[in-house]
Amino acid sequence: MGKVADIGRDIGQYIRQQRENAKISLRQLSKLAGVSNPYLSQIERGSRKPSAEILQQIAKGLRISAEALYVQAGILDVPTGGPVADAIRADTELSERQKQVLLDVYESFRRENAAESSQEPSTVEGSDDAPAATDRHNAQ
């Protein structure tokens, strides 16, 4: 039980920190997130562990990524991907779904490039696919 209590306390502290950074009162966040004031207070104190749905509502109220709260709550692992992935996650103009689609495409390109770079250079450069790709390009 100690670990669960620690996670609840950690997420509560993180939410309070984000709320204070945004200069939003507990009551304001309660309204923005659609979560009762007493329940939100209990979350911040660490006496309640919020569900993923409640975290998503709080994230929306704070205008931060729900993924950030999920990581803090131990629901998701710490994201990887470097500065490009971090920039996508930080973009407030994109919805969570749009961010996920971009991250999926980005990761697929990275996997593809890693697979290609692990092949021998002569296999990639001298493959039969190269002229066909050039021919297709010229035909368009």
C-alpha atoms as a PDB file:
ATOM      1  CA  MET A   1       0.000   0.000   0.000  1.00  0.00           C
ATOM      2  CA  GLY A   2       2.930   2.339   0.572  1.00  0.00           C
ATOM      3  CA  LYS A   3       3.732   2.547  -3.132  1.00  0.00           C
ATOM      4  CA  VAL A   4       0.134   3.340  -4.119  1.00  0.00           C
ATOM      5  CA  ALA A   5      -0.050   6.038  -1.460  1.00  0.00           C
ATOM      6  CA  ASP A   6       3.241   7.499  -2.727  1.00  0.00           C
ATOM      7  CA  ILE A   7       1.920   7.617  -6.297  1.00  0.00           C
ATOM      8  CA  GLY A   8      -1.259   9.352  -5.132  1.00  0.00           C
ATOM      9  CA  ARG A   9       0.749  11.869  -3.153  1.00  0.00           C
ATOM     10  CA  ASP A  10       3.172  12.421  -6.050  1.00  0.00           C
ATOM     11  CA  ILE A  11       0.427  13.042  -8.596  1.00  0.00           C
ATOM     12  CA  GLY A  12      -1.341  15.336  -6.152  1.00  0.00           C
ATOM     13  CA  GLN A  13       1.812  17.371  -5.605  1.00  0.00           C
ATOM     14  CA  TYR A  14       2.412  17.513  -9.346  1.00  0.00           C
ATOM     15  CA  ILE A  15      -1.140  18.742 -10.005  1.00  0.00           C
ATOM     16  CA  ARG A  16      -0.827  21.378  -7.271  1.00  0.00           C
ATOM     17  CA  GLN A  17       2.505  22.525  -8.730  1.00  0.00           C
ATOM     18  CA  GLN A  18       1.024  22.781 -12.239  1.00  0.00           C
ATOM     19  CA  ARG A  19      -2.017  24.631 -10.898  1.00  0.00           C
ATOM     20  CA  GLU A  20       0.162  27.099  -8.998  1.00  0.00           C
ATOM     21  CA  ASN A  21       2.411  27.599 -12.040  1.00  0.00           C
ATOM     22  CA  ALA A  22      -0.700  28.405 -14.072  1.00  0.00           C
ATOM     23  CA  LYS A  23      -1.837  30.801 -11.309  1.00  0.00           C
ATOM     24  CA  ILE A  24      -5.201  29.045 -11.040  1.00  0.00           C
ATOM     25  CA  SER A  25      -7.021  28.615  -7.740  1.00  0.00           C
ATOM     26  CA  LEU A  26      -8.277  25.225  -6.617  1.00  0.00           C
ATOM     27  CA  ARG A  27     -11.836  26.442  -7.133  1.00  0.00           C
ATOM     28  CA  GLN A  28     -11.058  27.672 -10.673  1.00  0.00           C
ATOM     29  CA  LEU A  29      -9.443  24.371 -11.631  1.00  0.00           C
ATOM     30  CA  SER A  30     -12.405  22.543 -10.167  1.00  0.00           C
ATOM     31  CA  LYS A  31     -14.723  24.423 -12.529  1.00  0.00           C
ATOM     32  CA  LEU A  32     -12.424  24.116 -15.543  1.00  0.00           C
ATOM     33  CA  ALA A  33     -11.944  20.378 -15.040  1.00  0.00           C
ATOM     34  CA  GLY A  34     -15.497  19.582 -14.015  1.00  0.00           C
ATOM     35  CA  VAL A  35     -14.285  17.929 -10.800  1.00  0.00           C
ATOM     36  CA  SER A  36     -15.705  18.813  -7.402  1.00  0.00           C
ATOM     37  CA  ASN A  37     -13.648  21.151  -5.270  1.00  0.00           C
ATOM     38  CA  PRO A  38     -13.422  18.733  -2.292  1.00  0.00           C
ATOM     39  CA  TYR A  39     -12.420  15.806  -4.548  1.00  0.00           C
ATOM     40  CA  LEU A  40      -9.730  17.887  -6.263  1.00  0.00           C
ATOM     41  CA  SER A  41      -8.443  18.986  -2.863  1.00  0.00           C
ATOM     42  CA  GLN A  42      -8.220  15.344  -1.755  1.00  0.00           C
ATOM     43  CA  ILE A  43      -6.287  14.481  -4.923  1.00  0.00           C
ATOM     44  CA  GLU A  44      -3.807  17.297  -4.304  1.00  0.00           C
ATOM     45  CA  ARG A  45      -3.320  16.197  -0.686  1.00  0.00           C
ATOM     46  CA  GLY A  46      -2.704  12.622  -1.844  1.00  0.00           C
ATOM     47  CA  SER A  47      -5.652  11.086  -0.009  1.00  0.00           C
ATOM     48  CA  ARG A  48      -7.374  10.117  -3.297  1.00  0.00           C
ATOM     49  CA  LYS A  49      -5.850   8.530  -6.385  1.00  0.00           C
ATOM     50  CA  PRO A  50      -7.634   9.833  -9.485  1.00  0.00           C
ATOM     51  CA  SER A  51      -8.696   7.650 -12.401  1.00  0.00           C
ATOM     52  CA  ALA A  52      -7.326   8.166 -15.899  1.00  0.00           C
ATOM     53  CA  GLU A  53     -10.558   9.922 -16.859  1.00  0.00           C
ATOM     54  CA  ILE A  54     -10.292  12.391 -13.979  1.00  0.00           C
ATOM     55  CA  LEU A  55      -6.631  13.008 -14.834  1.00  0.00           C
ATOM     56  CA  GLN A  56      -7.648  13.779 -18.405  1.00  0.00           C
ATOM     57  CA  GLN A  57     -10.236  16.312 -17.168  1.00  0.00           C
ATOM     58  CA  ILE A  58      -7.650  17.907 -14.850  1.00  0.00           C
ATOM     59  CA  ALA A  59      -5.108  18.063 -17.682  1.00  0.00           C
ATOM     60  CA  LYS A  60      -7.664  19.805 -19.869  1.00  0.00           C
ATOM     61  CA  GLY A  61      -8.367  22.305 -17.082  1.00  0.00           C
ATOM     62  CA  LEU A  62      -4.649  22.957 -16.631  1.00  0.00           C
ATOM     63  CA  ARG A  63      -4.072  23.031 -20.412  1.00  0.00           C
ATOM     64  CA  ILE A  64      -1.328  20.453 -20.178  1.00  0.00           C
ATOM     65  CA  SER A  65      -0.883  17.059 -21.756  1.00  0.00           C
ATOM     66  CA  ALA A  66      -2.916  14.271 -20.190  1.00  0.00           C
ATOM     67  CA  GLU A  67       0.080  12.066 -20.975  1.00  0.00           C
ATOM     68  CA  ALA A  68       2.193  14.104 -18.541  1.00  0.00           C
ATOM     69  CA  LEU A  69      -0.284  13.374 -15.762  1.00  0.00           C
ATOM     70  CA  TYR A  70      -0.489   9.694 -16.744  1.00  0.00           C
ATOM     71  CA  VAL A  71       3.304   9.411 -16.472  1.00  0.00           C
ATOM     72  CA  GLN A  72       3.280  11.124 -13.058  1.00  0.00           C
ATOM     73  CA  ALA A  73       0.509   8.814 -11.875  1.00  0.00           C
ATOM     74  CA  GLY A  74       2.396   5.731 -13.043  1.00  0.00           C
ATOM     75  CA  ILE A  75      -0.238   4.865 -15.658  1.00  0.00           C
ATOM     76  CA  LEU A  76       2.230   5.347 -18.536  1.00  0.00           C
ATOM     77  CA  ASP A  77       5.966   4.825 -18.764  1.00  0.00           C
ATOM     78  CA  VAL A  78       8.226   7.814 -19.234  1.00  0.00           C
ATOM     79  CA  PRO A  79       8.035   8.724 -22.925  1.00  0.00           C
ATOM     80  CA  THR A  80      11.057   8.413 -25.176  1.00  0.00           C
ATOM     81  CA  GLY A  81      11.888   9.944 -28.516  1.00  0.00           C
ATOM     82  CA  GLY A  82      14.026  12.991 -27.888  1.00  0.00           C
ATOM     83  CA  PRO A  83      13.419  16.639 -28.733  1.00  0.00           C
ATOM     84  CA  VAL A  84      11.058  16.070 -31.684  1.00  0.00           C
ATOM     85  CA  ALA A  85       8.700  13.905 -29.638  1.00  0.00           C
ATOM     86  CA  ASP A  86       8.963  16.357 -26.732  1.00  0.00           C
ATOM     87  CA  ALA A  87       8.028  19.237 -29.044  1.00  0.00           C
ATOM     88  CA  ILE A  88       5.005  17.350 -30.356  1.00  0.00           C
ATOM     89  CA  ARG A  89       3.853  16.540 -26.821  1.00  0.00           C
ATOM     90  CA  ALA A  90       4.312  20.156 -25.716  1.00  0.00           C
ATOM     91  CA  ASP A  91       2.341  21.697 -28.598  1.00  0.00           C
ATOM     92  CA  THR A  92      -0.832  23.159 -27.121  1.00  0.00           C
ATOM     93  CA  GLU A  93      -2.391  23.692 -30.565  1.00  0.00           C
ATOM     94  CA  LEU A  94      -2.728  19.931 -31.164  1.00  0.00           C
ATOM     95  CA  SER A  95      -5.290  17.580 -29.672  1.00  0.00           C
ATOM     96  CA  GLU A  96      -4.107  14.493 -27.801  1.00  0.00           C
ATOM     97  CA  ARG A  97      -5.225  12.339 -30.734  1.00  0.00           C
ATOM     98  CA  GLN A  98      -3.276  14.486 -33.231  1.00  0.00           C
ATOM     99  CA  LYS A  99      -0.187  14.294 -31.040  1.00  0.00           C
ATOM    100  CA  GLN A 100      -0.462  10.507 -30.854  1.00  0.00           C
ATOM    101  CA  VAL A 101      -0.832  10.178 -34.632  1.00  0.00           C
ATOM    102  CA  LEU A 102       2.223  12.382 -35.208  1.00  0.00           C
ATOM    103  CA  LEU A 103       4.239  10.433 -32.642  1.00  0.00           C
ATOM    104  CA  ASP A 104       3.216   7.130 -34.265  1.00  0.00           C
ATOM    105  CA  VAL A 105       4.288   8.346 -37.724  1.00  0.00           C
ATOM    106  CA  TYR A 106       7.538   9.763 -36.348  1.00  0.00           C
ATOM    107  CA  GLU A 107       8.370   6.509 -34.562  1.00  0.00           C
ATOM    108  CA  SER A 108       7.582   4.460 -37.675  1.00  0.00           C
ATOM    109  CA  PHE A 109      10.036   6.593 -39.680  1.00  0.00           C
ATOM    110  CA  ARG A 110      12.683   6.124 -36.981  1.00  0.00           C
ATOM    111  CA  ARG A 111      12.182   2.338 -36.966  1.00  0.00           C
ATOM    112  CA  GLU A 112      12.324   2.236 -40.771  1.00  0.00           C
ATOM    113  CA  ASN A 113      15.549   4.247 -40.849  1.00  0.00           C
ATOM    114  CA  ALA A 114      17.090   2.111 -38.105  1.00  0.00           C
ATOM    115  CA  ALA A 115      16.239  -1.045 -40.056  1.00  0.00           C
ATOM    116  CA  GLU A 116      17.729   0.405 -43.250  1.00  0.00           C
ATOM    117  CA  SER A 117      20.904   1.537 -41.525  1.00  0.00           C
ATOM    118  CA  SER A 118      21.394  -1.924 -40.040  1.00  0.00           C
ATOM    119  CA  GLN A 119      21.494  -3.438 -43.543  1.00  0.00           C
ATOM    120  CA  GLU A 120      24.720  -3.536 -45.515  1.00  0.00           C
ATOM    121  CA  PRO A 121      25.185  -0.370 -47.619  1.00  0.00           C
ATOM    122  CA  SER A 122      25.669  -2.369 -50.838  1.00  0.00           C
ATOM    123  CA  THR A 123      22.306  -4.072 -50.336  1.00  0.00           C
ATOM    124  CA  VAL A 124      20.442  -0.761 -50.022  1.00  0.00           C
ATOM    125  CA  GLU A 125      22.280   1.153 -52.779  1.00  0.00           C
ATOM    126  CA  GLY A 126      22.454  -1.715 -55.252  1.00  0.00           C
ATOM    127  CA  SER A 127      18.948  -3.034 -54.750  1.00  0.00           C
ATOM    128  CA  ASP A 128      16.601  -3.619 -57.652  1.00  0.00           C
ATOM    129  CA  ASP A 129      14.088  -1.248 -56.062  1.00  0.00           C
ATOM    130  CA  ALA A 130      16.197   1.870 -56.644  1.00  0.00           C
ATOM    131  CA  PRO A 131      15.766   2.113 -60.465  1.00  0.00           C
ATOM    132  CA  ALA A 132      12.073   1.267 -60.219  1.00  0.00           C
ATOM    133  CA  ALA A 133      11.569   4.095 -57.729  1.00  0.00           C
ATOM    134  CA  THR A 134      13.438   6.453 -60.059  1.00  0.00           C
ATOM    135  CA  ASP A 135      11.394   5.279 -63.043  1.00  0.00           C
ATOM    136  CA  ARG A 136       8.141   5.762 -61.168  1.00  0.00           C
ATOM    137  CA  HIS A 137       9.230   9.268 -60.159  1.00  0.00           C
ATOM    138  CA  ASN A 138      10.152  10.197 -63.746  1.00  0.00           C
ATOM    139  CA  ALA A 139       6.875   8.774 -65.078  1.00  0.00           C
ATOM    140  CA  GLN A 140       4.824  11.149 -62.921  1.00  0.00           C
END
